[in-house]
PDB file of N, CA and C in Angstrom:
ATOM      1  N   MET A   1      25.139  -5.460   6.679  1.00  0.00           N
ATOM      2  CA  MET A   1      24.498  -5.501   5.386  1.00  0.00           C
ATOM      3  C   MET A   1      25.569  -5.782   4.324  1.00  0.00           C
ATOM      4  N   PRO A   2      25.298  -6.667   3.379  1.00  0.00           N
ATOM      5  CA  PRO A   2      26.274  -6.973   2.336  1.00  0.00           C
ATOM      6  C   PRO A   2      26.561  -5.753   1.462  1.00  0.00           C
ATOM      7  N   LYS A   3      27.757  -5.699   0.986  1.00  0.00           N
ATOM      8  CA  LYS A   3      28.176  -4.615   0.087  1.00  0.00           C
ATOM      9  C   LYS A   3      28.595  -5.236  -1.238  1.00  0.00           C
ATOM     10  N   ILE A   4      28.330  -4.525  -2.323  1.00  0.00           N
ATOM     11  CA  ILE A   4      28.787  -4.975  -3.636  1.00  0.00           C
ATOM     12  C   ILE A   4      29.562  -3.845  -4.299  1.00  0.00           C
ATOM     13  N   ARG A   5      30.435  -4.218  -5.194  1.00  0.00           N
ATOM     14  CA  ARG A   5      31.205  -3.227  -5.936  1.00  0.00           C
ATOM     15  C   ARG A   5      30.556  -3.034  -7.294  1.00  0.00           C
ATOM     16  N   ILE A   6      30.435  -1.779  -7.691  1.00  0.00           N
ATOM     17  CA  ILE A   6      29.867  -1.445  -8.996  1.00  0.00           C
ATOM     18  C   ILE A   6      30.867  -0.553  -9.721  1.00  0.00           C
ATOM     19  N   ASP A   7      31.141  -0.919 -10.950  1.00  0.00           N
ATOM     20  CA  ASP A   7      32.062  -0.150 -11.789  1.00  0.00           C
ATOM     21  C   ASP A   7      31.641   1.323 -11.819  1.00  0.00           C
ATOM     22  N   GLY A   8      32.606   2.207 -11.814  1.00  0.00           N
ATOM     23  CA  GLY A   8      32.345   3.650 -11.780  1.00  0.00           C
ATOM     24  C   GLY A   8      31.489   4.142 -12.933  1.00  0.00           C
ATOM     25  N   ASP A   9      31.731   3.641 -14.138  1.00  0.00           N
ATOM     26  CA  ASP A   9      30.937   4.058 -15.291  1.00  0.00           C
ATOM     27  C   ASP A   9      29.484   3.609 -15.150  1.00  0.00           C
ATOM     28  N   LEU A  10      29.292   2.380 -14.688  1.00  0.00           N
ATOM     29  CA  LEU A  10      27.938   1.881 -14.480  1.00  0.00           C
ATOM     30  C   LEU A  10      27.249   2.680 -13.384  1.00  0.00           C
ATOM     31  N   TRP A  11      27.973   2.999 -12.317  1.00  0.00           N
ATOM     32  CA  TRP A  11      27.390   3.777 -11.225  1.00  0.00           C
ATOM     33  C   TRP A  11      26.920   5.143 -11.736  1.00  0.00           C
ATOM     34  N   ALA A  12      27.711   5.767 -12.574  1.00  0.00           N
ATOM     35  CA  ALA A  12      27.335   7.070 -13.139  1.00  0.00           C
ATOM     36  C   ALA A  12      26.052   6.947 -13.969  1.00  0.00           C
ATOM     37  N   ARG A  13      25.945   5.889 -14.728  1.00  0.00           N
ATOM     38  CA  ARG A  13      24.732   5.663 -15.521  1.00  0.00           C
ATOM     39  C   ARG A  13      23.524   5.433 -14.616  1.00  0.00           C
ATOM     40  N   LEU A  14      23.735   4.652 -13.550  1.00  0.00           N
ATOM     41  CA  LEU A  14      22.663   4.397 -12.594  1.00  0.00           C
ATOM     42  C   LEU A  14      22.222   5.693 -11.911  1.00  0.00           C
ATOM     43  N   GLU A  15      23.169   6.532 -11.568  1.00  0.00           N
ATOM     44  CA  GLU A  15      22.837   7.823 -10.956  1.00  0.00           C
ATOM     45  C   GLU A  15      21.964   8.667 -11.879  1.00  0.00           C
ATOM     46  N   ARG A  16      22.334   8.728 -13.153  1.00  0.00           N
ATOM     47  CA  ARG A  16      21.550   9.501 -14.124  1.00  0.00           C
ATOM     48  C   ARG A  16      20.142   8.936 -14.274  1.00  0.00           C
ATOM     49  N   CYS A  17      20.052   7.621 -14.356  1.00  0.00           N
ATOM     50  CA  CYS A  17      18.736   6.983 -14.497  1.00  0.00           C
ATOM     51  C   CYS A  17      17.877   7.220 -13.263  1.00  0.00           C
ATOM     52  N   ALA A  18      18.471   7.082 -12.091  1.00  0.00           N
ATOM     53  CA  ALA A  18      17.735   7.283 -10.840  1.00  0.00           C
ATOM     54  C   ALA A  18      17.201   8.711 -10.761  1.00  0.00           C
ATOM     55  N   ALA A  19      18.040   9.676 -11.088  1.00  0.00           N
ATOM     56  CA  ALA A  19      17.619  11.078 -11.048  1.00  0.00           C
ATOM     57  C   ALA A  19      16.525  11.340 -12.080  1.00  0.00           C
ATOM     58  N   GLY A  20      16.695  10.811 -13.277  1.00  0.00           N
ATOM     59  CA  GLY A  20      15.710  11.011 -14.333  1.00  0.00           C
ATOM     60  C   GLY A  20      14.376  10.369 -14.037  1.00  0.00           C
ATOM     61  N   ALA A  21      14.393   9.278 -13.274  1.00  0.00           N
ATOM     62  CA  ALA A  21      13.162   8.559 -12.953  1.00  0.00           C
ATOM     63  C   ALA A  21      12.519   9.077 -11.658  1.00  0.00           C
ATOM     64  N   GLY A  22      13.178  10.023 -10.986  1.00  0.00           N
ATOM     65  CA  GLY A  22      12.598  10.622  -9.790  1.00  0.00           C
ATOM     66  C   GLY A  22      12.844   9.885  -8.489  1.00  0.00           C
ATOM     67  N   TYR A  23      13.818   8.984  -8.475  1.00  0.00           N
ATOM     68  CA  TYR A  23      14.139   8.276  -7.229  1.00  0.00           C
ATOM     69  C   TYR A  23      14.879   9.212  -6.290  1.00  0.00           C
ATOM     70  N   SER A  24      14.764   8.950  -4.993  1.00  0.00           N
ATOM     71  CA  SER A  24      15.426   9.802  -4.003  1.00  0.00           C
ATOM     72  C   SER A  24      16.929   9.597  -3.980  1.00  0.00           C
ATOM     73  N   GLY A  25      17.384   8.482  -4.511  1.00  0.00           N
ATOM     74  CA  GLY A  25      18.816   8.223  -4.558  1.00  0.00           C
ATOM     75  C   GLY A  25      19.112   7.000  -5.413  1.00  0.00           C
ATOM     76  N   THR A  26      20.374   6.832  -5.713  1.00  0.00           N
ATOM     77  CA  THR A  26      20.798   5.718  -6.557  1.00  0.00           C
ATOM     78  C   THR A  26      20.547   4.382  -5.880  1.00  0.00           C
ATOM     79  N   GLU A  27      20.771   4.315  -4.566  1.00  0.00           N
ATOM     80  CA  GLU A  27      20.554   3.061  -3.846  1.00  0.00           C
ATOM     81  C   GLU A  27      19.094   2.622  -3.923  1.00  0.00           C
ATOM     82  N   GLU A  28      18.173   3.583  -3.792  1.00  0.00           N
ATOM     83  CA  GLU A  28      16.749   3.259  -3.882  1.00  0.00           C
ATOM     84  C   GLU A  28      16.413   2.708  -5.272  1.00  0.00           C
ATOM     85  N   PHE A  29      16.978   3.319  -6.291  1.00  0.00           N
ATOM     86  CA  PHE A  29      16.759   2.876  -7.667  1.00  0.00           C
ATOM     87  C   PHE A  29      17.280   1.457  -7.874  1.00  0.00           C
ATOM     88  N   ILE A  30      18.482   1.188  -7.400  1.00  0.00           N
ATOM     89  CA  ILE A  30      19.081  -0.139  -7.560  1.00  0.00           C
ATOM     90  C   ILE A  30      18.267  -1.176  -6.793  1.00  0.00           C
ATOM     91  N   THR A  31      17.844  -0.844  -5.585  1.00  0.00           N
ATOM     92  CA  THR A  31      17.027  -1.768  -4.798  1.00  0.00           C
ATOM     93  C   THR A  31      15.741  -2.098  -5.549  1.00  0.00           C
ATOM     94  N   HIS A  32      15.106  -1.083  -6.121  1.00  0.00           N
ATOM     95  CA  HIS A  32      13.881  -1.308  -6.882  1.00  0.00           C
ATOM     96  C   HIS A  32      14.145  -2.234  -8.075  1.00  0.00           C
ATOM     97  N   LEU A  33      15.231  -1.999  -8.786  1.00  0.00           N
ATOM     98  CA  LEU A  33      15.573  -2.853  -9.929  1.00  0.00           C
ATOM     99  C   LEU A  33      15.791  -4.300  -9.500  1.00  0.00           C
ATOM    100  N   LEU A  34      16.511  -4.494  -8.415  1.00  0.00           N
ATOM    101  CA  LEU A  34      16.786  -5.846  -7.928  1.00  0.00           C
ATOM    102  C   LEU A  34      15.510  -6.537  -7.462  1.00  0.00           C
ATOM    103  N   GLU A  35      14.664  -5.817  -6.719  1.00  0.00           N
ATOM    104  CA  GLU A  35      13.408  -6.407  -6.253  1.00  0.00           C
ATOM    105  C   GLU A  35      12.527  -6.824  -7.434  1.00  0.00           C
ATOM    106  N   LYS A  36      12.437  -5.960  -8.437  1.00  0.00           N
ATOM    107  CA  LYS A  36      11.622  -6.260  -9.612  1.00  0.00           C
ATOM    108  C   LYS A  36      12.179  -7.468 -10.363  1.00  0.00           C
ATOM    109  N   THR A  37      13.481  -7.526 -10.525  1.00  0.00           N
ATOM    110  CA  THR A  37      14.099  -8.635 -11.239  1.00  0.00           C
ATOM    111  C   THR A  37      13.874  -9.954 -10.511  1.00  0.00           C
ATOM    112  N   VAL A  38      14.078  -9.954  -9.210  1.00  0.00           N
ATOM    113  CA  VAL A  38      13.871 -11.174  -8.424  1.00  0.00           C
ATOM    114  C   VAL A  38      12.408 -11.597  -8.476  1.00  0.00           C
ATOM    115  N   ARG A  39      11.502 -10.643  -8.365  1.00  0.00           N
ATOM    116  CA  ARG A  39      10.077 -10.935  -8.416  1.00  0.00           C
ATOM    117  C   ARG A  39       9.701 -11.544  -9.773  1.00  0.00           C
ATOM    118  N   ASP A  40      10.297 -11.040 -10.841  1.00  0.00           N
ATOM    119  CA  ASP A  40      10.015 -11.566 -12.174  1.00  0.00           C
ATOM    120  C   ASP A  40      10.573 -12.974 -12.371  1.00  0.00           C
ATOM    121  N   ILE A  41      11.666 -13.291 -11.701  1.00  0.00           N
ATOM    122  CA  ILE A  41      12.319 -14.596 -11.868  1.00  0.00           C
ATOM    123  C   ILE A  41      11.698 -15.662 -10.973  1.00  0.00           C
ATOM    124  N   GLU A  42      11.400 -15.302  -9.719  1.00  0.00           N
ATOM    125  CA  GLU A  42      10.873 -16.277  -8.769  1.00  0.00           C
ATOM    126  C   GLU A  42       9.456 -16.682  -9.133  1.00  0.00           C
ATOM    127  N   PRO A  43       9.167 -17.973  -8.999  1.00  0.00           N
ATOM    128  CA  PRO A  43       7.773 -18.375  -9.189  1.00  0.00           C
ATOM    129  C   PRO A  43       6.948 -17.832  -8.030  1.00  0.00           C
ATOM    130  N   GLY A  44       5.758 -17.396  -8.311  1.00  0.00           N
ATOM    131  CA  GLY A  44       4.949 -16.837  -7.241  1.00  0.00           C
ATOM    132  C   GLY A  44       3.477 -17.107  -7.448  1.00  0.00           C
ATOM    133  N   ASP A  45       2.738 -16.832  -6.419  1.00  0.00           N
ATOM    134  CA  ASP A  45       1.291 -16.962  -6.449  1.00  0.00           C
ATOM    135  C   ASP A  45       0.729 -15.792  -7.250  1.00  0.00           C
ATOM    136  N   ASP A  46      -0.113 -16.060  -8.218  1.00  0.00           N
ATOM    137  CA  ASP A  46      -0.670 -15.003  -9.052  1.00  0.00           C
ATOM    138  C   ASP A  46      -1.397 -13.944  -8.236  1.00  0.00           C
ATOM    139  N   ALA A  47      -2.150 -14.363  -7.230  1.00  0.00           N
ATOM    140  CA  ALA A  47      -2.881 -13.421  -6.386  1.00  0.00           C
ATOM    141  C   ALA A  47      -1.906 -12.506  -5.647  1.00  0.00           C
ATOM    142  N   GLU A  48      -0.817 -13.056  -5.175  1.00  0.00           N
ATOM    143  CA  GLU A  48       0.181 -12.246  -4.473  1.00  0.00           C
ATOM    144  C   GLU A  48       0.850 -11.262  -5.430  1.00  0.00           C
ATOM    145  N   GLN A  49       1.108 -11.687  -6.648  1.00  0.00           N
ATOM    146  CA  GLN A  49       1.717 -10.795  -7.635  1.00  0.00           C
ATOM    147  C   GLN A  49       0.792  -9.620  -7.931  1.00  0.00           C
ATOM    148  N   VAL A  50      -0.494  -9.888  -8.058  1.00  0.00           N
ATOM    149  CA  VAL A  50      -1.462  -8.823  -8.315  1.00  0.00           C
ATOM    150  C   VAL A  50      -1.501  -7.860  -7.137  1.00  0.00           C
ATOM    151  N   LYS A  51      -1.508  -8.397  -5.917  1.00  0.00           N
ATOM    152  CA  LYS A  51      -1.509  -7.549  -4.728  1.00  0.00           C
ATOM    153  C   LYS A  51      -0.280  -6.659  -4.688  1.00  0.00           C
ATOM    154  N   GLU A  52       0.889  -7.221  -5.007  1.00  0.00           N
ATOM    155  CA  GLU A  52       2.125  -6.442  -4.994  1.00  0.00           C
ATOM    156  C   GLU A  52       2.087  -5.337  -6.036  1.00  0.00           C
ATOM    157  N   LYS A  53       1.568  -5.655  -7.207  1.00  0.00           N
ATOM    158  CA  LYS A  53       1.461  -4.634  -8.259  1.00  0.00           C
ATOM    159  C   LYS A  53       0.514  -3.513  -7.825  1.00  0.00           C
ATOM    160  N   LEU A  54      -0.615  -3.879  -7.228  1.00  0.00           N
ATOM    161  CA  LEU A  54      -1.557  -2.873  -6.754  1.00  0.00           C
ATOM    162  C   LEU A  54      -0.959  -2.051  -5.612  1.00  0.00           C
ATOM    163  N   ARG A  55      -0.177  -2.708  -4.754  1.00  0.00           N
ATOM    164  CA  ARG A  55       0.517  -2.007  -3.665  1.00  0.00           C
ATOM    165  C   ARG A  55       1.523  -1.015  -4.254  1.00  0.00           C
ATOM    166  N   GLY A  56       2.246  -1.469  -5.272  1.00  0.00           N
ATOM    167  CA  GLY A  56       3.229  -0.603  -5.916  1.00  0.00           C
ATOM    168  C   GLY A  56       2.594   0.604  -6.595  1.00  0.00           C
ATOM    169  N   LEU A  57       1.367   0.447  -7.048  1.00  0.00           N
ATOM    170  CA  LEU A  57       0.650   1.551  -7.689  1.00  0.00           C
ATOM    171  C   LEU A  57      -0.057   2.448  -6.690  1.00  0.00           C
ATOM    172  N   GLY A  58      -0.045   2.036  -5.419  1.00  0.00           N
ATOM    173  CA  GLY A  58      -0.634   2.858  -4.368  1.00  0.00           C
ATOM    174  C   GLY A  58      -2.094   2.551  -4.076  1.00  0.00           C
ATOM    175  N   TYR A  59      -2.655   1.509  -4.676  1.00  0.00           N
ATOM    176  CA  TYR A  59      -4.038   1.154  -4.429  1.00  0.00           C
ATOM    177  C   TYR A  59      -4.226   0.376  -3.133  1.00  0.00           C
ATOM    178  N   LEU A  60      -3.201  -0.321  -2.681  1.00  0.00           N
ATOM    179  CA  LEU A  60      -3.248  -1.055  -1.425  1.00  0.00           C
ATOM    180  C   LEU A  60      -2.131  -0.566  -0.524  1.00  0.00           C
ATOM    181  N   SER A  61      -2.364  -0.697   0.777  1.00  0.00           N
ATOM    182  CA  SER A  61      -1.290  -0.291   1.693  1.00  0.00           C
ATOM    183  C   SER A  61      -0.767  -1.466   2.453  1.00  0.00           C
TER     184      SER A  61
END
């Protein structure tokens, strides 16, 4: 799995945000941020975007 380096100050901020938002860990929080950013940037099918949003809200499995 690829590894990236994150500045210590930024990592501390990410840790605080992850804890405040209720994530199980900083890695989970960062993964969520990256997935959301990529999803927002990539062109996608509107129906698929709606399904993903509903899945994220727990309405679909």
